Amino acid sequence: QVHLVESGGGLVQAGGSLSVSCAASGSIFRGNAMGWYRQAPGKQRELVASITSGGRTNYADSVKGRFAISRDNAKNMVFLQMNSLKPEDTAVYYCAALAGSGVGSWGQGTQVTVSS
């Protein structure tokens, strides 16, 4: 089991940038693919970005070219840098430890609000 704690997020104007971080505890972190999900009010939770243990990344079409996921295995951290933010990026962002085709562990979530 990987315990995850997000930080960062907040309020930003459209076009601005924001970053969120995720601190992971647990000995299996380095072998886990990690992801960032988000859930907007009234919508399903969606996978925004993922990164394998080896650093290979994948992004949802809606954020390609604007968001960047990275990880620091030495510090057990995962990051999501968000640029050119849009009001539709407003959501609670969750860090996740991926397991197979699903999620093994969730963070508690952090709010990102983009004002127009």
Protein backbone atom coordinates (compact mmCIF):
# COMPACT_ATOMS: atom_id res chain seq x y z
CA GLN A 1 0.00 0.00 0.00
CA VAL A 2 1.26 3.47 -0.92
CA HIS A 3 0.13 6.43 1.18
CA LEU A 4 -0.21 9.63 -0.86
CA VAL A 5 -0.48 13.26 0.21
CA GLU A 6 -1.05 16.07 -2.29
CA SER A 7 -0.03 19.68 -1.88
CA GLY A 8 -0.19 22.79 -3.98
CA GLY A 9 -3.17 23.78 -6.04
CA GLY A 10 -5.20 26.90 -5.36
CA LEU A 11 -6.72 29.70 -7.38
CA VAL A 12 -5.25 31.07 -10.59
CA GLN A 13 -6.46 33.17 -13.49
CA ALA A 14 -6.98 31.66 -16.90
CA GLY A 15 -3.71 31.48 -18.78
CA GLY A 16 -1.72 31.13 -15.61
CA SER A 17 0.33 28.28 -14.20
CA LEU A 18 0.10 26.14 -11.13
CA SER A 19 1.79 23.03 -9.85
CA VAL A 20 0.69 20.25 -7.55
CA SER A 21 2.91 17.79 -5.74
CA CYS A 22 2.38 14.37 -4.26
CA ALA A 23 4.45 12.84 -1.49
CA ALA A 24 4.36 9.07 -1.38
CA SER A 25 5.30 6.74 1.42
CA GLY A 26 5.73 3.06 1.06
CA SER A 27 8.47 0.86 -0.21
CA ILE A 28 6.78 0.02 -3.49
CA PHE A 29 6.60 3.59 -4.82
CA ARG A 30 9.57 3.25 -7.12
CA GLY A 31 8.01 0.27 -8.88
CA ASN A 32 4.65 1.96 -9.34
CA ALA A 33 3.36 3.86 -12.27
CA MET A 34 1.81 7.05 -10.90
CA GLY A 35 -0.97 9.24 -12.17
CA TRP A 36 -2.88 12.44 -11.67
CA TYR A 37 -6.65 12.30 -11.94
CA ARG A 38 -9.14 15.11 -11.66
CA GLN A 39 -12.83 15.37 -10.92
CA ALA A 40 -14.93 18.41 -11.69
CA PRO A 41 -18.35 18.94 -10.07
CA GLY A 42 -20.93 16.70 -11.67
CA LYS A 43 -18.36 14.87 -13.78
CA GLN A 44 -16.59 11.55 -13.59
CA ARG A 45 -13.04 11.32 -12.35
CA GLU A 46 -10.65 11.26 -15.30
CA LEU A 47 -7.00 10.39 -15.76
CA VAL A 48 -5.06 13.52 -16.70
CA ALA A 49 -1.49 12.24 -16.84
CA SER A 50 0.54 9.20 -15.92
CA ILE A 51 4.18 8.30 -15.61
CA THR A 52 5.76 4.87 -15.42
CA SER A 53 8.49 3.91 -12.98
CA GLY A 54 10.93 4.43 -15.85
CA GLY A 55 9.64 7.91 -16.64
CA ARG A 56 7.47 7.28 -19.70
CA THR A 57 4.57 9.73 -19.71
CA ASN A 58 1.08 9.80 -21.13
CA TYR A 59 -1.50 12.61 -21.20
CA ALA A 60 -5.16 13.13 -21.82
CA ASP A 61 -5.78 14.95 -25.08
CA SER A 62 -7.31 17.86 -23.20
CA VAL A 63 -4.03 18.68 -21.43
CA LYS A 64 -1.38 17.67 -23.97
CA GLY A 65 1.14 20.42 -24.49
CA ARG A 66 0.00 22.27 -21.35
CA PHE A 67 0.60 19.86 -18.45
CA ALA A 68 3.75 17.99 -17.52
CA ILE A 69 4.04 15.10 -15.09
CA SER A 70 7.34 14.18 -13.49
CA ARG A 71 8.65 12.15 -10.60
CA ASP A 72 11.60 12.09 -8.25
CA ASN A 73 12.12 8.51 -7.16
CA ALA A 74 14.81 9.49 -4.66
CA LYS A 75 12.31 11.70 -2.83
CA ASN A 76 9.19 9.59 -3.48
CA MET A 77 7.51 12.56 -5.12
CA VAL A 78 5.30 13.07 -8.16
CA PHE A 79 4.60 16.45 -9.69
CA LEU A 80 2.14 17.96 -12.12
CA GLN A 81 3.05 21.27 -13.71
CA MET A 82 0.02 22.94 -15.27
CA ASN A 83 0.45 25.78 -17.75
CA SER A 84 -1.97 27.80 -19.88
CA LEU A 85 -4.74 26.88 -17.49
CA LYS A 86 -8.35 27.13 -18.59
CA PRO A 87 -11.54 27.45 -16.53
CA GLU A 88 -12.43 23.91 -17.60
CA ASP A 89 -9.33 22.66 -15.77
CA THR A 90 -11.07 23.53 -12.51
CA ALA A 91 -11.38 20.34 -10.48
CA VAL A 92 -10.12 18.43 -7.49
CA TYR A 93 -6.84 16.83 -8.51
CA TYR A 94 -5.92 13.44 -7.09
CA CYS A 95 -2.59 11.68 -7.01
CA ALA A 96 -2.82 7.94 -7.63
CA ALA A 97 -0.55 4.94 -7.47
CA LEU A 98 -1.49 2.84 -10.48
CA ALA A 99 -1.81 -0.92 -10.25
CA GLY A 100 -2.43 -2.86 -13.42
CA SER A 101 -5.42 -1.31 -15.14
CA GLY A 102 -6.68 0.30 -11.97
CA VAL A 103 -5.66 2.42 -9.01
CA GLY A 104 -4.00 0.95 -5.95
CA SER A 105 -3.99 4.05 -3.76
CA TRP A 106 -5.53 7.52 -3.84
CA GLY A 107 -4.49 10.77 -2.27
CA GLN A 108 -7.02 12.98 -0.53
CA GLY A 109 -7.18 15.48 -3.40
CA THR A 110 -6.34 19.14 -3.80
CA GLN A 111 -8.54 21.85 -5.32
CA VAL A 112 -7.47 23.71 -8.44
CA THR A 113 -9.67 26.62 -9.47
CA VAL A 114 -9.13 28.59 -12.66
CA SER A 115 -11.01 31.86 -12.94
CA SER A 116 -11.98 33.35 -16.28
